[in-house]
């Protein structure tokens, strides 16, 4: 794997973290994250907490997958 699911970029360069999903590994992650409203909400809260705690503005979500609506 040549990418990281969650990347925290030093604030001197930009103020967004990146959340990247690619390939089979990314699909498996998305299937877990989006499996229920409860898990989707929980992971969104964790990412928001990381942004607040580390002082950046939010997330750039880069999804290179075709996802099914459940």
N, C-alpha and C. Protein backbone atom coordinates (compact mmCIF):
# COMPACT_ATOMS: atom_id res chain seq x y z
N UNK A 1 0.86 -1.17 0.00
CA UNK A 1 0.00 0.00 0.00
C UNK A 1 0.90 1.23 0.00
N UNK A 2 0.67 2.15 -0.92
CA UNK A 2 1.52 3.33 -1.00
C UNK A 2 0.79 4.61 -0.60
N UNK A 3 -0.20 4.49 0.25
CA UNK A 3 -0.90 5.65 0.78
C UNK A 3 -1.33 5.34 2.20
N UNK A 4 -1.74 6.36 2.92
CA UNK A 4 -2.26 6.19 4.27
C UNK A 4 -3.71 6.61 4.28
N UNK A 5 -4.52 5.88 5.03
CA UNK A 5 -5.94 6.18 5.11
C UNK A 5 -6.18 7.57 5.68
N UNK A 6 -5.49 7.89 6.76
CA UNK A 6 -5.61 9.20 7.40
C UNK A 6 -4.23 9.82 7.43
N UNK A 7 -4.12 11.05 6.92
CA UNK A 7 -2.84 11.75 6.89
C UNK A 7 -3.01 13.08 7.62
N UNK A 8 -2.12 13.36 8.55
CA UNK A 8 -2.12 14.64 9.26
C UNK A 8 -0.96 15.46 8.72
N UNK A 9 -1.29 16.54 8.01
CA UNK A 9 -0.30 17.36 7.34
C UNK A 9 0.12 18.49 8.27
N UNK A 10 1.43 18.77 8.38
CA UNK A 10 1.87 19.88 9.22
C UNK A 10 1.15 21.18 8.85
N UNK A 11 0.78 21.94 9.86
CA UNK A 11 -0.01 23.16 9.63
C UNK A 11 0.72 24.22 8.82
N UNK A 12 2.03 24.15 8.74
CA UNK A 12 2.74 25.16 7.95
C UNK A 12 2.45 24.99 6.46
N UNK A 13 1.97 23.83 6.05
CA UNK A 13 1.70 23.58 4.64
C UNK A 13 0.22 23.74 4.28
N UNK A 14 -0.66 23.25 5.10
CA UNK A 14 -2.09 23.38 4.84
C UNK A 14 -2.85 23.10 6.11
N UNK A 15 -4.14 23.36 6.09
CA UNK A 15 -4.93 23.22 7.30
C UNK A 15 -5.98 22.12 7.18
N UNK A 16 -5.75 21.17 6.29
CA UNK A 16 -6.66 20.05 6.14
C UNK A 16 -5.93 18.73 6.33
N UNK A 17 -6.58 17.79 6.99
CA UNK A 17 -6.10 16.41 6.97
C UNK A 17 -6.70 15.78 5.72
N UNK A 18 -6.13 14.68 5.28
CA UNK A 18 -6.70 13.99 4.12
C UNK A 18 -7.16 12.60 4.52
N UNK A 19 -8.28 12.22 3.98
CA UNK A 19 -8.86 10.89 4.19
C UNK A 19 -8.97 10.27 2.82
N UNK A 20 -8.14 9.26 2.55
CA UNK A 20 -8.03 8.70 1.20
C UNK A 20 -8.44 7.24 1.21
N UNK A 21 -9.32 6.86 0.29
CA UNK A 21 -9.70 5.46 0.13
C UNK A 21 -9.44 5.04 -1.30
N UNK A 22 -8.71 3.93 -1.47
CA UNK A 22 -8.37 3.39 -2.79
C UNK A 22 -8.33 1.87 -2.71
N UNK A 23 -8.51 1.25 -3.85
CA UNK A 23 -8.31 -0.18 -4.04
C UNK A 23 -9.17 -1.04 -3.11
N UNK A 24 -8.85 -2.30 -3.02
CA UNK A 24 -9.63 -3.23 -2.20
C UNK A 24 -9.58 -2.88 -0.72
N UNK A 25 -8.42 -2.43 -0.26
CA UNK A 25 -8.29 -2.06 1.15
C UNK A 25 -9.20 -0.89 1.49
N UNK A 26 -9.27 0.08 0.61
CA UNK A 26 -10.14 1.23 0.83
C UNK A 26 -11.61 0.84 0.80
N UNK A 27 -11.97 -0.07 -0.09
CA UNK A 27 -13.36 -0.54 -0.13
C UNK A 27 -13.73 -1.23 1.17
N UNK A 28 -12.82 -2.05 1.71
CA UNK A 28 -13.08 -2.72 2.99
C UNK A 28 -13.25 -1.70 4.11
N UNK A 29 -12.43 -0.65 4.11
CA UNK A 29 -12.55 0.40 5.12
C UNK A 29 -13.90 1.10 4.99
N UNK A 30 -14.26 1.47 3.77
CA UNK A 30 -15.54 2.16 3.55
C UNK A 30 -16.72 1.27 3.93
N UNK A 31 -16.62 -0.02 3.62
CA UNK A 31 -17.70 -0.93 4.00
C UNK A 31 -17.89 -0.93 5.52
N UNK A 32 -16.79 -0.86 6.26
CA UNK A 32 -16.88 -0.82 7.72
C UNK A 32 -17.41 0.54 8.19
N UNK A 33 -16.82 1.61 7.68
CA UNK A 33 -17.22 2.95 8.11
C UNK A 33 -18.67 3.25 7.82
N UNK A 34 -19.16 2.78 6.69
CA UNK A 34 -20.50 3.14 6.24
C UNK A 34 -21.51 2.03 6.46
N UNK A 35 -21.18 1.04 7.27
CA UNK A 35 -22.05 -0.13 7.43
C UNK A 35 -23.38 0.21 8.11
N UNK A 36 -23.35 1.13 9.06
CA UNK A 36 -24.58 1.56 9.73
C UNK A 36 -24.51 3.06 9.98
N UNK A 37 -25.64 3.66 10.28
CA UNK A 37 -25.63 5.08 10.65
C UNK A 37 -24.80 5.30 11.91
N UNK A 38 -24.85 4.35 12.83
CA UNK A 38 -24.11 4.48 14.09
C UNK A 38 -22.60 4.50 13.84
N UNK A 39 -22.08 3.58 13.01
CA UNK A 39 -20.63 3.57 12.76
C UNK A 39 -20.22 4.79 11.94
N UNK A 40 -21.05 5.19 10.98
CA UNK A 40 -20.73 6.37 10.18
C UNK A 40 -20.62 7.60 11.08
N UNK A 41 -21.56 7.76 11.99
CA UNK A 41 -21.55 8.90 12.91
C UNK A 41 -20.34 8.83 13.84
N UNK A 42 -20.04 7.64 14.36
CA UNK A 42 -18.91 7.48 15.28
C UNK A 42 -17.59 7.88 14.62
N UNK A 43 -17.35 7.38 13.39
CA UNK A 43 -16.09 7.72 12.71
C UNK A 43 -16.04 9.19 12.34
N UNK A 44 -17.16 9.77 11.96
CA UNK A 44 -17.19 11.21 11.66
C UNK A 44 -16.85 12.02 12.91
N UNK A 45 -17.37 11.60 14.04
CA UNK A 45 -17.05 12.29 15.31
C UNK A 45 -15.57 12.19 15.63
N UNK A 46 -14.97 11.00 15.42
CA UNK A 46 -13.54 10.84 15.72
C UNK A 46 -12.69 11.73 14.83
N UNK A 47 -13.03 11.80 13.54
CA UNK A 47 -12.28 12.67 12.64
C UNK A 47 -12.45 14.14 13.02
N UNK A 48 -13.65 14.53 13.42
CA UNK A 48 -13.88 15.91 13.86
C UNK A 48 -13.07 16.21 15.12
N UNK A 49 -13.03 15.27 16.05
CA UNK A 49 -12.24 15.45 17.27
C UNK A 49 -10.76 15.61 16.95
N UNK A 50 -10.24 14.80 16.02
CA UNK A 50 -8.84 14.94 15.61
C UNK A 50 -8.57 16.33 15.05
N UNK A 51 -9.46 16.83 14.21
CA UNK A 51 -9.29 18.16 13.62
C UNK A 51 -9.25 19.22 14.71
N UNK A 52 -10.19 19.16 15.64
CA UNK A 52 -10.24 20.15 16.72
C UNK A 52 -9.01 20.05 17.61
N UNK A 53 -8.69 18.83 18.05
CA UNK A 53 -7.55 18.64 18.96
C UNK A 53 -6.22 19.06 18.35
N UNK A 54 -6.07 18.87 17.04
CA UNK A 54 -4.80 19.19 16.38
C UNK A 54 -4.81 20.56 15.71
N UNK A 55 -5.94 21.26 15.79
CA UNK A 55 -6.00 22.65 15.35
C UNK A 55 -6.06 22.87 13.85
N UNK A 56 -6.61 21.93 13.11
CA UNK A 56 -6.80 22.23 11.70
C UNK A 56 -8.28 22.31 11.36
N UNK A 57 -8.57 22.75 10.15
CA UNK A 57 -9.94 23.14 9.80
C UNK A 57 -10.86 22.00 9.40
N UNK A 58 -10.34 20.90 8.96
CA UNK A 58 -11.21 19.81 8.53
C UNK A 58 -10.47 18.79 7.70
N UNK A 59 -11.22 18.14 6.83
CA UNK A 59 -10.71 17.01 6.07
C UNK A 59 -10.97 17.17 4.59
N UNK A 60 -10.00 16.80 3.79
CA UNK A 60 -10.18 16.61 2.36
C UNK A 60 -10.45 15.11 2.19
N UNK A 61 -11.61 14.76 1.69
CA UNK A 61 -11.96 13.35 1.49
C UNK A 61 -11.73 13.02 0.02
N UNK A 62 -10.83 12.08 -0.23
CA UNK A 62 -10.50 11.64 -1.57
C UNK A 62 -10.93 10.19 -1.70
N UNK A 63 -12.08 9.98 -2.32
CA UNK A 63 -12.63 8.64 -2.48
C UNK A 63 -12.53 8.25 -3.95
N UNK A 64 -11.70 7.25 -4.24
CA UNK A 64 -11.52 6.80 -5.61
C UNK A 64 -12.32 5.53 -5.90
N UNK A 65 -13.35 5.28 -5.11
CA UNK A 65 -14.10 4.04 -5.21
C UNK A 65 -15.53 4.29 -5.66
N UNK A 66 -16.13 3.27 -6.19
CA UNK A 66 -17.56 3.28 -6.46
C UNK A 66 -18.23 2.58 -5.29
N UNK A 67 -19.03 3.31 -4.52
CA UNK A 67 -19.65 2.75 -3.33
C UNK A 67 -21.14 2.51 -3.57
N UNK A 68 -21.65 1.49 -2.95
CA UNK A 68 -23.08 1.17 -3.05
C UNK A 68 -23.84 1.87 -1.93
N UNK A 69 -25.04 2.31 -2.22
CA UNK A 69 -25.90 2.88 -1.19
C UNK A 69 -26.57 1.72 -0.46
N UNK A 70 -26.57 1.78 0.86
CA UNK A 70 -27.16 0.71 1.66
C UNK A 70 -28.52 1.14 2.15
